[in-house]
Amino acid sequence: MTAKELLLQRARGWTDEQADIALRAVEAKDASQSAEMAPLPAGWGQTLTGEPMPNIVAAVRRSRAEH
């Protein structure tokens, strides 16, 4: 069973109040993920060898999504 299927199955038994709490949590997470990031301080955008800094957060999210 996928996570989406499990969520839909559990949500069927929720009260309106429980569904509202869950929806607000999802909306808050969506809002925080779409918020603009502040620019990095000078020098933080490069590794010690001068290469662009990898996006570690995106790599962690991809890794978690694969499991």
C-alpha atoms as a PDB file:
ATOM      1  CA  MET A   1       0.000   0.000   0.000  1.00  0.00           C
ATOM      2  CA  THR A   2       1.379   3.403  -0.941  1.00  0.00           C
ATOM      3  CA  ALA A   3       1.608   6.277   1.506  1.00  0.00           C
ATOM      4  CA  LYS A   4      -1.126   8.103  -0.413  1.00  0.00           C
ATOM      5  CA  GLU A   5      -3.462   5.105  -0.231  1.00  0.00           C
ATOM      6  CA  LEU A   6      -2.775   4.692   3.487  1.00  0.00           C
ATOM      7  CA  LEU A   7      -3.443   8.385   4.118  1.00  0.00           C
ATOM      8  CA  LEU A   8      -6.739   8.272   2.209  1.00  0.00           C
ATOM      9  CA  GLN A   9      -7.784   5.152   4.098  1.00  0.00           C
ATOM     10  CA  ARG A  10      -7.079   6.738   7.475  1.00  0.00           C
ATOM     11  CA  ALA A  11      -8.652  10.067   6.514  1.00  0.00           C
ATOM     12  CA  ARG A  12     -12.040   8.418   5.913  1.00  0.00           C
ATOM     13  CA  GLY A  13     -12.471   8.004   9.660  1.00  0.00           C
ATOM     14  CA  TRP A  14     -11.373  11.508  10.637  1.00  0.00           C
ATOM     15  CA  THR A  15     -13.702  14.088  12.088  1.00  0.00           C
ATOM     16  CA  ASP A  16     -13.949  17.462  10.368  1.00  0.00           C
ATOM     17  CA  GLU A  17     -11.755  18.908  13.108  1.00  0.00           C
ATOM     18  CA  GLN A  18      -9.048  16.268  12.577  1.00  0.00           C
ATOM     19  CA  ALA A  19      -9.153  16.815   8.814  1.00  0.00           C
ATOM     20  CA  ASP A  20      -8.861  20.578   9.324  1.00  0.00           C
ATOM     21  CA  ILE A  21      -5.789  20.116  11.553  1.00  0.00           C
ATOM     22  CA  ALA A  22      -4.161  17.826   8.979  1.00  0.00           C
ATOM     23  CA  LEU A  23      -4.944  20.210   6.125  1.00  0.00           C
ATOM     24  CA  ARG A  24      -3.459  23.176   8.012  1.00  0.00           C
ATOM     25  CA  ALA A  25      -0.300  21.155   8.685  1.00  0.00           C
ATOM     26  CA  VAL A  26       0.070  20.264   4.999  1.00  0.00           C
ATOM     27  CA  GLU A  27      -0.561  23.847   3.908  1.00  0.00           C
ATOM     28  CA  ALA A  28       2.003  25.150   6.408  1.00  0.00           C
ATOM     29  CA  LYS A  29       4.592  22.676   5.124  1.00  0.00           C
ATOM     30  CA  ASP A  30       3.848  23.647   1.501  1.00  0.00           C
ATOM     31  CA  ALA A  31       4.205  27.323   2.381  1.00  0.00           C
ATOM     32  CA  SER A  32       7.524  26.793   4.157  1.00  0.00           C
ATOM     33  CA  GLN A  33       8.914  24.796   1.221  1.00  0.00           C
ATOM     34  CA  SER A  34       7.930  27.420  -1.328  1.00  0.00           C
ATOM     35  CA  ALA A  35       9.315  30.341   0.690  1.00  0.00           C
ATOM     36  CA  GLU A  36      12.275  32.122  -0.853  1.00  0.00           C
ATOM     37  CA  MET A  37      15.639  31.437   0.668  1.00  0.00           C
ATOM     38  CA  ALA A  38      17.867  34.239   1.810  1.00  0.00           C
ATOM     39  CA  PRO A  39      21.062  34.553  -0.205  1.00  0.00           C
ATOM     40  CA  LEU A  40      24.113  32.789   1.178  1.00  0.00           C
ATOM     41  CA  PRO A  41      26.914  34.839   2.699  1.00  0.00           C
ATOM     42  CA  ALA A  42      29.869  35.463   0.396  1.00  0.00           C
ATOM     43  CA  GLY A  43      32.004  32.379  -0.003  1.00  0.00           C
ATOM     44  CA  TRP A  44      29.318  29.921   1.101  1.00  0.00           C
ATOM     45  CA  GLY A  45      28.275  29.160  -2.472  1.00  0.00           C
ATOM     46  CA  GLN A  46      31.534  27.383  -3.278  1.00  0.00           C
ATOM     47  CA  THR A  47      33.459  24.420  -1.962  1.00  0.00           C
ATOM     48  CA  LEU A  48      37.088  24.800  -0.917  1.00  0.00           C
ATOM     49  CA  THR A  49      38.106  23.761  -4.445  1.00  0.00           C
ATOM     50  CA  GLY A  50      35.985  26.535  -6.013  1.00  0.00           C
ATOM     51  CA  GLU A  51      33.192  24.295  -7.294  1.00  0.00           C
ATOM     52  CA  PRO A  52      29.550  25.297  -6.746  1.00  0.00           C
ATOM     53  CA  MET A  53      28.187  24.060  -3.428  1.00  0.00           C
ATOM     54  CA  PRO A  54      25.872  21.061  -3.912  1.00  0.00           C
ATOM     55  CA  ASN A  55      22.258  21.397  -2.781  1.00  0.00           C
ATOM     56  CA  ILE A  56      22.397  19.139   0.270  1.00  0.00           C
ATOM     57  CA  VAL A  57      18.757  19.730   1.253  1.00  0.00           C
ATOM     58  CA  ALA A  58      17.535  18.657  -2.183  1.00  0.00           C
ATOM     59  CA  ALA A  59      19.735  15.565  -2.044  1.00  0.00           C
ATOM     60  CA  VAL A  60      18.313  14.565   1.343  1.00  0.00           C
ATOM     61  CA  ARG A  61      14.735  15.111   0.110  1.00  0.00           C
ATOM     62  CA  ARG A  62      15.393  12.991  -3.013  1.00  0.00           C
ATOM     63  CA  SER A  63      16.893  10.260  -0.871  1.00  0.00           C
ATOM     64  CA  ARG A  64      13.918  10.229   1.487  1.00  0.00           C
ATOM     65  CA  ALA A  65      11.441  10.212  -1.415  1.00  0.00           C
ATOM     66  CA  GLU A  66      13.104   7.115  -2.872  1.00  0.00           C
ATOM     67  CA  HIS A  67      12.396   5.035   0.254  1.00  0.00           C
END
